[in-house]
Amino acid sequence: MELWTLTHSNPHHAFAVAKRAEARGWHGMLVVDSQNLAADSYVALTLAATGTDRIGLGTGVTNSVTRHPAVTASAAMAVQMVSGGRMVLGIGRGDSALAHLGRSPARFLGFASYVEVLQKYLRGEAVAFDEFPVPDSMAAPVADLKLADHPTESRIRWAKGELPKVPVEVAATGPKVIAMAGRLADRVMFTLGAVPERIQWGMSVAREARISAGLDPATLCFGAYVNLVCHMDVAVARALVRGGLTTFARFSVMHGDVSGPASENDRDVFQQLHDGYDMKAHTRADSNQATLLTDDFIDRFAIAGPPEHCNTRLEELHSLGLDKIVISGPTAGVDRFDARTAMALVDDAVVPQFN
């Protein structure tokens, strides 16, 4: 099972994190794509590619609203070229990137259409203009110019196909997105917490959808985003993981209804998180929403504690059939010394167990 780290997309920060991650044995690094809160993700990944030789690089995650799928595909393929084939394209319905444009996550049907068209571009296939049209209110059809000739379809023409196709990993929480990812993605990346029964539920939904589409379920890969902090003091570990967990747990109750199996106590926490989430304090451990998470909820939905505990929980997830874990560690609003201690402990005592 591969372990990837998740960080923000300031280019110089991403460059440094990537070099450290490669030196310490991580399998890859993902950067967020939230244009109002962080620098451009593809610039960060390109710079990271120039300073590394081995680790995977990717978005964690981009969305289907802020870029046309041809633009997203071209950017991902450019990083694939610079990195020598190490790019992965993580995509979801969007959260903070859209909130800071005054919008909520992408509507499901549009998101599914985007992923389908994105895969065509990445495979080098032609895309009909009406498969993902640019609204007439933004630009009139090129045919209206009455040129001697003009493109009649859309295709990424500059890529020559020397490198493997960029894999698409769909971040998924609810049953509709999980099923869509099961049909269209190269890997389903669950955002269901580190709870085995919830992961098993998600895998079942994805496999059923892949079979219904006439595809071999054995060709589908599974991974998960997991909030993990390694510290000898469990109370400190919980404090460090709270901020990031508020963000990922909220995905399970984004529109008010809880996705996946959940106890009544969990549903109460989810509902409080839904009602109390402040996007202006997104991911912060010192936010009001972070206080809404109970210790019991943290202990099950996140992984927080000494190395032996973290490794045991990760092995449990591996045994379910996950081949990739993206770790979100300490976030803003925590004690920096404690955060550095925790990050070093993951490097020293967790990552080596999965190499």
Protein backbone atom coordinates (compact mmCIF):
# COMPACT_ATOMS: atom_id res chain seq x y z
CA MET A 1 0.00 0.00 0.00
CA GLU A 2 1.33 3.40 -0.99
CA LEU A 3 1.45 6.35 1.43
CA TRP A 4 1.11 9.83 -0.06
CA THR A 5 1.29 13.15 1.75
CA LEU A 6 -1.11 16.06 1.19
CA THR A 7 0.06 19.66 1.34
CA HIS A 8 -0.78 23.13 0.05
CA SER A 9 0.33 24.43 -3.32
CA ASN A 10 2.68 27.30 -2.61
CA PRO A 11 5.33 26.40 -5.23
CA HIS A 12 8.42 26.75 -3.03
CA HIS A 13 6.70 24.92 -0.16
CA ALA A 14 5.59 22.11 -2.48
CA PHE A 15 9.14 21.85 -3.87
CA ALA A 16 10.56 21.46 -0.35
CA VAL A 17 7.88 19.00 0.78
CA ALA A 18 8.37 16.88 -2.33
CA LYS A 19 12.14 16.67 -1.85
CA ARG A 20 11.71 15.73 1.81
CA ALA A 21 8.98 13.20 1.02
CA GLU A 22 11.15 11.51 -1.59
CA ALA A 23 14.12 11.38 0.79
CA ARG A 24 12.01 9.88 3.57
CA GLY A 25 10.41 7.15 1.48
CA TRP A 26 6.92 8.48 0.77
CA HIS A 27 5.35 7.23 -2.43
CA GLY A 28 3.91 10.57 -3.52
CA MET A 29 2.67 14.07 -2.78
CA LEU A 30 -0.65 15.71 -3.62
CA VAL A 31 -1.34 19.44 -3.49
CA VAL A 32 -4.67 21.15 -2.95
CA ASP A 33 -6.28 23.12 -5.77
CA SER A 34 -8.09 26.09 -4.24
CA GLN A 35 -7.22 29.20 -6.21
CA ASN A 36 -8.28 31.81 -3.64
CA LEU A 37 -6.46 30.13 -0.74
CA ALA A 38 -3.32 28.78 -2.39
CA ALA A 39 -1.15 29.24 -5.47
CA ASP A 40 -1.75 27.37 -8.72
CA SER A 41 -1.45 23.64 -8.21
CA TYR A 42 0.08 22.82 -11.59
CA VAL A 43 2.84 25.40 -11.15
CA ALA A 44 3.61 23.83 -7.76
CA LEU A 45 3.63 20.30 -9.20
CA THR A 46 5.87 21.31 -12.10
CA LEU A 47 8.39 22.84 -9.72
CA ALA A 48 8.20 19.77 -7.47
CA ALA A 49 8.83 17.54 -10.49
CA THR A 50 12.08 19.36 -11.26
CA GLY A 51 13.42 18.65 -7.77
CA THR A 52 12.51 14.95 -7.52
CA ASP A 53 13.09 11.75 -9.47
CA ARG A 54 10.82 9.08 -7.99
CA ILE A 55 7.72 10.16 -6.09
CA GLY A 56 4.27 10.50 -7.61
CA LEU A 57 2.75 13.96 -7.91
CA GLY A 58 -0.84 15.08 -8.26
CA THR A 59 -3.83 17.20 -7.34
CA GLY A 60 -5.71 16.49 -4.15
CA VAL A 61 -8.11 17.59 -5.53
CA THR A 62 -9.03 19.76 -8.49
CA ASN A 63 -12.67 20.32 -9.44
CA SER A 64 -14.95 20.38 -12.48
CA VAL A 65 -15.95 24.05 -12.38
CA THR A 66 -12.91 26.31 -12.40
CA ARG A 67 -11.33 24.89 -15.60
CA HIS A 68 -12.63 23.46 -18.86
CA PRO A 69 -11.75 19.74 -19.06
CA ALA A 70 -9.40 20.43 -21.98
CA VAL A 71 -7.48 22.91 -19.81
CA THR A 72 -7.31 20.45 -16.90
CA ALA A 73 -6.17 17.62 -19.16
CA SER A 74 -3.52 19.76 -20.85
CA ALA A 75 -2.14 20.94 -17.50
CA ALA A 76 -2.01 17.39 -16.12
CA MET A 77 -0.35 16.08 -19.27
CA ALA A 78 2.25 18.84 -19.06
CA VAL A 79 3.18 17.78 -15.52
CA GLN A 80 3.22 14.18 -16.75
CA MET A 81 5.76 15.21 -19.40
CA VAL A 82 7.98 17.23 -17.04
CA SER A 83 7.91 14.51 -14.36
CA GLY A 84 8.54 11.60 -16.69
CA GLY A 85 5.19 9.93 -16.06
CA ARG A 86 4.60 10.55 -12.33
CA MET A 87 1.40 12.64 -12.48
CA VAL A 88 -2.00 11.59 -11.13
CA LEU A 89 -5.12 13.73 -11.50
CA GLY A 90 -7.27 13.80 -8.38
CA ILE A 91 -10.65 15.42 -8.89
CA GLY A 92 -13.76 16.00 -6.79
CA ARG A 93 -16.90 18.11 -6.81
CA GLY A 94 -15.07 21.01 -5.16
CA ASP A 95 -15.31 22.71 -1.80
CA SER A 96 -13.29 25.79 -0.80
CA ALA A 97 -12.31 26.52 -4.41
CA LEU A 98 -15.99 27.03 -5.24
CA ALA A 99 -17.04 28.56 -1.91
CA HIS A 100 -14.67 31.45 -2.58
CA LEU A 101 -16.41 31.98 -5.90
CA GLY A 102 -19.77 32.04 -4.15
CA ARG A 103 -20.70 28.53 -5.25
CA SER A 104 -21.37 25.15 -3.64
CA PRO A 105 -19.92 21.86 -4.93
CA ALA A 106 -20.54 20.96 -8.56
CA ARG A 107 -23.88 19.41 -9.47
CA PHE A 108 -23.65 15.66 -9.93
CA LEU A 109 -24.67 15.33 -13.60
CA GLY A 110 -22.26 18.05 -14.68
CA PHE A 111 -19.47 16.50 -12.63
CA ALA A 112 -20.05 13.06 -14.15
CA SER A 113 -20.05 14.53 -17.67
CA TYR A 114 -16.83 16.39 -16.89
CA VAL A 115 -15.03 13.24 -15.70
CA GLU A 116 -16.15 11.30 -18.78
CA VAL A 117 -14.92 14.03 -21.15
CA LEU A 118 -11.72 14.52 -19.13
CA GLN A 119 -10.86 10.85 -19.58
CA LYS A 120 -11.33 11.20 -23.35
CA TYR A 121 -8.94 14.12 -23.50
CA LEU A 122 -6.36 12.26 -21.42
CA ARG A 123 -6.62 9.24 -23.71
CA GLY A 124 -5.94 11.49 -26.70
CA GLU A 125 -9.45 11.03 -28.11
CA ALA A 126 -11.57 13.58 -29.96
CA VAL A 127 -14.35 15.33 -28.04
CA ALA A 128 -17.33 16.73 -29.90
CA PHE A 129 -17.96 20.39 -29.16
CA ASP A 130 -21.44 19.61 -27.86
CA GLU A 131 -20.16 17.01 -25.37
CA PHE A 132 -18.99 19.79 -23.07
CA PRO A 133 -20.10 23.04 -24.71
CA VAL A 134 -18.89 26.51 -23.84
CA PRO A 135 -22.03 28.59 -23.10
CA ASP A 136 -23.04 30.92 -25.95
CA SER A 137 -23.28 33.68 -23.36
CA MET A 138 -19.51 33.45 -22.95
CA ALA A 139 -18.44 32.94 -26.58
CA ALA A 140 -20.26 32.39 -29.87
CA PRO A 141 -19.55 29.27 -31.97
CA VAL A 142 -16.43 29.46 -34.12
CA ALA A 143 -18.61 28.62 -37.14
CA ASP A 144 -20.25 32.03 -36.78
CA LEU A 145 -16.99 33.62 -37.97
CA LYS A 146 -17.46 31.98 -41.40
CA LEU A 147 -13.76 31.20 -41.76
CA ALA A 148 -12.34 29.25 -44.68
CA ASP A 149 -11.93 26.35 -42.24
CA HIS A 150 -11.98 25.76 -38.49
CA PRO A 151 -11.72 22.89 -35.96
CA THR A 152 -14.77 20.64 -35.92
CA GLU A 153 -13.86 18.76 -32.76
CA SER A 154 -11.71 19.22 -29.68
CA ARG A 155 -8.55 17.25 -28.94
CA ILE A 156 -5.28 17.72 -27.04
CA ARG A 157 -3.08 17.96 -30.10
CA TRP A 158 0.33 18.73 -28.66
CA ALA A 159 0.81 15.49 -26.70
CA LYS A 160 2.49 12.73 -28.72
CA GLY A 161 1.64 9.77 -26.50
CA GLU A 162 5.15 8.82 -25.44
CA LEU A 163 4.13 8.59 -21.78
CA PRO A 164 1.36 6.60 -20.05
CA LYS A 165 -2.07 8.17 -19.71
CA VAL A 166 -2.49 10.29 -16.58
CA PRO A 167 -4.63 8.28 -14.11
CA VAL A 168 -7.83 9.92 -12.86
CA GLU A 169 -8.66 9.47 -9.18
CA VAL A 170 -12.14 10.60 -8.12
CA ALA A 171 -12.56 11.70 -4.50
CA ALA A 172 -15.90 10.23 -3.47
CA THR A 173 -18.14 10.22 -0.41
CA GLY A 174 -21.80 9.85 -1.40
CA PRO A 175 -23.27 6.81 -3.21
CA LYS A 176 -23.90 8.60 -6.53
CA VAL A 177 -20.34 9.90 -6.84
CA ILE A 178 -18.89 6.58 -5.65
CA ALA A 179 -20.92 4.73 -8.30
CA MET A 180 -19.88 7.21 -11.01
CA ALA A 181 -16.24 6.83 -9.97
CA GLY A 182 -16.66 3.07 -10.13
CA ARG A 183 -17.67 3.42 -13.77
CA LEU A 184 -15.31 6.15 -14.96
CA ALA A 185 -12.29 6.51 -12.67
CA ASP A 186 -8.98 4.69 -12.62
CA ARG A 187 -9.07 4.78 -8.82
CA VAL A 188 -11.82 5.63 -6.35
CA MET A 189 -10.42 7.72 -3.48
CA PHE A 190 -12.82 7.49 -0.55
CA THR A 191 -13.34 10.40 1.83
CA LEU A 192 -15.27 8.30 4.34
CA GLY A 193 -12.90 8.42 7.28
CA ALA A 194 -10.76 5.56 8.55
CA VAL A 195 -13.79 3.45 9.53
CA PRO A 196 -13.57 -0.05 7.98
CA GLU A 197 -17.33 -0.61 7.60
CA ARG A 198 -17.70 2.69 5.77
CA ILE A 199 -14.82 1.84 3.41
CA GLN A 200 -16.31 -1.60 2.78
CA TRP A 201 -19.65 -0.01 1.98
CA GLY A 202 -18.01 2.36 -0.51
CA MET A 203 -16.09 -0.44 -2.21
CA SER A 204 -19.28 -2.45 -2.60
CA VAL A 205 -21.11 0.48 -4.21
CA ALA A 206 -18.24 1.11 -6.63
CA ARG A 207 -17.84 -2.54 -7.63
CA GLU A 208 -21.57 -2.97 -8.26
CA ALA A 209 -21.58 0.10 -10.48
CA ARG A 210 -18.57 -1.15 -12.45
CA ILE A 211 -20.19 -4.53 -13.02
CA SER A 212 -23.45 -2.88 -14.09
CA ALA A 213 -21.46 -0.87 -16.66
CA GLY A 214 -20.14 -4.14 -18.13
CA LEU A 215 -16.62 -3.56 -16.82
CA ASP A 216 -14.32 -5.84 -14.88
CA PRO A 217 -14.34 -4.83 -11.18
CA ALA A 218 -10.82 -6.24 -10.85
CA THR A 219 -9.55 -3.34 -12.97
CA LEU A 220 -10.72 -0.74 -10.42
CA CYS A 221 -8.32 0.47 -7.73
CA PHE A 222 -9.27 1.86 -4.32
CA GLY A 223 -7.63 4.39 -2.04
CA ALA A 224 -8.65 6.79 0.71
CA TYR A 225 -7.91 10.17 2.19
CA VAL A 226 -7.18 9.67 5.89
CA ASN A 227 -6.56 12.23 8.62
CA LEU A 228 -3.58 10.84 10.52
CA VAL A 229 -1.35 12.31 13.22
CA CYS A 230 1.32 10.25 14.94
CA HIS A 231 2.27 11.37 18.46
CA MET A 232 3.14 9.53 21.66
CA ASP A 233 0.54 11.61 23.53
CA VAL A 234 -2.92 10.67 22.24
CA ALA A 235 -4.45 13.92 23.48
CA VAL A 236 -1.89 15.93 21.49
CA ALA A 237 -2.50 13.75 18.42
CA ARG A 238 -6.24 14.41 18.65
CA ALA A 239 -5.66 18.15 18.97
CA LEU A 240 -3.42 18.14 15.89
CA VAL A 241 -5.82 16.14 13.72
CA ARG A 242 -9.05 18.00 14.59
CA GLY A 243 -8.81 20.77 12.02
CA GLY A 244 -8.28 18.58 8.99
CA LEU A 245 -10.86 16.08 10.18
CA THR A 246 -13.58 18.75 10.29
CA THR A 247 -13.09 19.29 6.56
CA PHE A 248 -13.10 15.64 5.54
CA ALA A 249 -15.91 14.63 7.92
CA ARG A 250 -18.07 17.44 6.59
CA PHE A 251 -18.00 15.84 3.14
CA SER A 252 -20.18 13.05 4.57
CA VAL A 253 -22.92 15.53 5.48
CA MET A 254 -22.33 18.23 2.86
CA HIS A 255 -26.00 18.66 1.96
CA GLY A 256 -27.52 17.68 5.29
CA ASP A 257 -27.96 13.93 4.87
CA VAL A 258 -25.25 11.59 6.16
CA SER A 259 -23.56 9.38 3.55
CA GLY A 260 -22.55 5.84 4.45
CA PRO A 261 -23.08 3.74 7.56
CA ALA A 262 -23.10 5.77 10.77
CA SER A 263 -24.26 5.30 14.36
CA GLU A 264 -26.70 7.68 16.00
CA ASN A 265 -23.85 9.31 17.92
CA ASP A 266 -21.92 9.79 14.69
CA ARG A 267 -24.98 11.27 13.02
CA ASP A 268 -25.31 13.77 15.84
CA VAL A 269 -21.70 14.88 15.37
CA PHE A 270 -22.12 15.07 11.61
CA GLN A 271 -25.24 17.20 11.97
CA GLN A 272 -23.56 19.58 14.39
CA LEU A 273 -20.62 19.86 12.00
CA HIS A 274 -22.94 20.59 9.08
CA ASP A 275 -24.81 23.29 11.00
CA GLY A 276 -21.71 24.83 12.59
CA TYR A 277 -19.11 24.82 9.80
CA ASP A 278 -17.44 28.15 9.07
CA MET A 279 -15.72 28.16 5.66
CA LYS A 280 -13.70 31.20 6.72
CA ALA A 281 -11.98 28.93 9.28
CA HIS A 282 -11.59 26.05 6.82
CA THR A 283 -9.35 23.19 8.14
CA ARG A 284 -8.21 25.18 11.18
CA ALA A 285 -7.71 23.27 14.43
CA ASP A 286 -8.56 26.38 16.47
CA SER A 287 -11.93 26.86 14.76
CA ASN A 288 -15.31 26.58 16.45
CA GLN A 289 -16.18 23.55 14.32
CA ALA A 290 -13.13 21.68 15.61
CA THR A 291 -14.64 21.76 19.11
CA LEU A 292 -17.67 19.84 17.83
CA LEU A 293 -15.72 16.61 17.29
CA THR A 294 -15.84 14.20 20.22
CA ASP A 295 -12.82 12.10 21.19
CA ASP A 296 -14.72 8.95 20.23
CA PHE A 297 -15.49 10.36 16.79
CA ILE A 298 -11.86 11.39 16.26
CA ASP A 299 -10.56 7.99 17.37
CA ARG A 300 -12.62 6.17 14.76
CA PHE A 301 -12.80 8.56 11.82
CA ALA A 302 -9.17 9.67 12.09
CA ILE A 303 -5.99 7.85 13.09
CA ALA A 304 -4.36 9.58 16.05
CA GLY A 305 -1.85 8.14 18.47
CA PRO A 306 1.55 6.42 18.82
CA PRO A 307 3.27 4.73 15.86
CA GLU A 308 2.09 1.21 16.77
CA HIS A 309 -1.52 2.38 16.81
CA CYS A 310 -1.15 4.23 13.49
CA ASN A 311 0.50 1.28 11.77
CA THR A 312 -2.13 -1.16 13.03
CA ARG A 313 -4.97 1.04 11.77
CA LEU A 314 -3.29 1.49 8.39
CA GLU A 315 -2.73 -2.25 8.03
CA GLU A 316 -6.43 -2.76 8.79
CA LEU A 317 -7.34 -0.45 5.92
CA HIS A 318 -4.83 -2.19 3.65
CA SER A 319 -6.44 -5.54 4.42
CA LEU A 320 -9.74 -4.23 3.06
CA GLY A 321 -8.19 -3.82 -0.39
CA LEU A 322 -6.98 -0.23 -0.38
CA ASP A 323 -3.72 0.24 -2.28
CA LYS A 324 -3.20 3.94 -1.58
CA ILE A 325 -3.63 6.18 1.46
CA VAL A 326 -3.30 9.96 1.23
CA ILE A 327 -2.44 11.31 4.67
CA SER A 328 -3.67 14.70 5.81
CA GLY A 329 -1.75 15.64 8.95
CA PRO A 330 -1.63 18.71 11.22
CA THR A 331 -3.24 21.85 9.83
CA ALA A 332 -3.22 25.56 10.70
CA GLY A 333 -4.07 26.62 14.24
CA VAL A 334 -1.94 24.04 16.08
CA ASP A 335 1.24 24.20 18.14
CA ARG A 336 4.06 24.24 15.58
CA PHE A 337 6.50 22.28 17.75
CA ASP A 338 3.94 19.54 18.28
CA ALA A 339 3.18 19.51 14.56
CA ARG A 340 6.85 19.14 13.60
CA THR A 341 7.28 16.37 16.17
CA ALA A 342 4.29 14.51 14.77
CA MET A 343 5.41 14.87 11.17
CA ALA A 344 8.90 13.59 11.99
CA LEU A 345 7.41 10.59 13.80
CA VAL A 346 5.37 9.63 10.73
CA ASP A 347 8.52 9.86 8.62
CA ASP A 348 10.54 7.74 11.05
CA ALA A 349 8.08 5.16 12.34
CA VAL A 350 5.15 4.87 9.92
CA VAL A 351 6.33 5.39 6.35
CA PRO A 352 9.15 2.76 6.61
CA GLN A 353 6.54 0.11 7.48
CA PHE A 354 4.99 0.48 4.03
CA ASN A 355 8.13 0.43 1.89
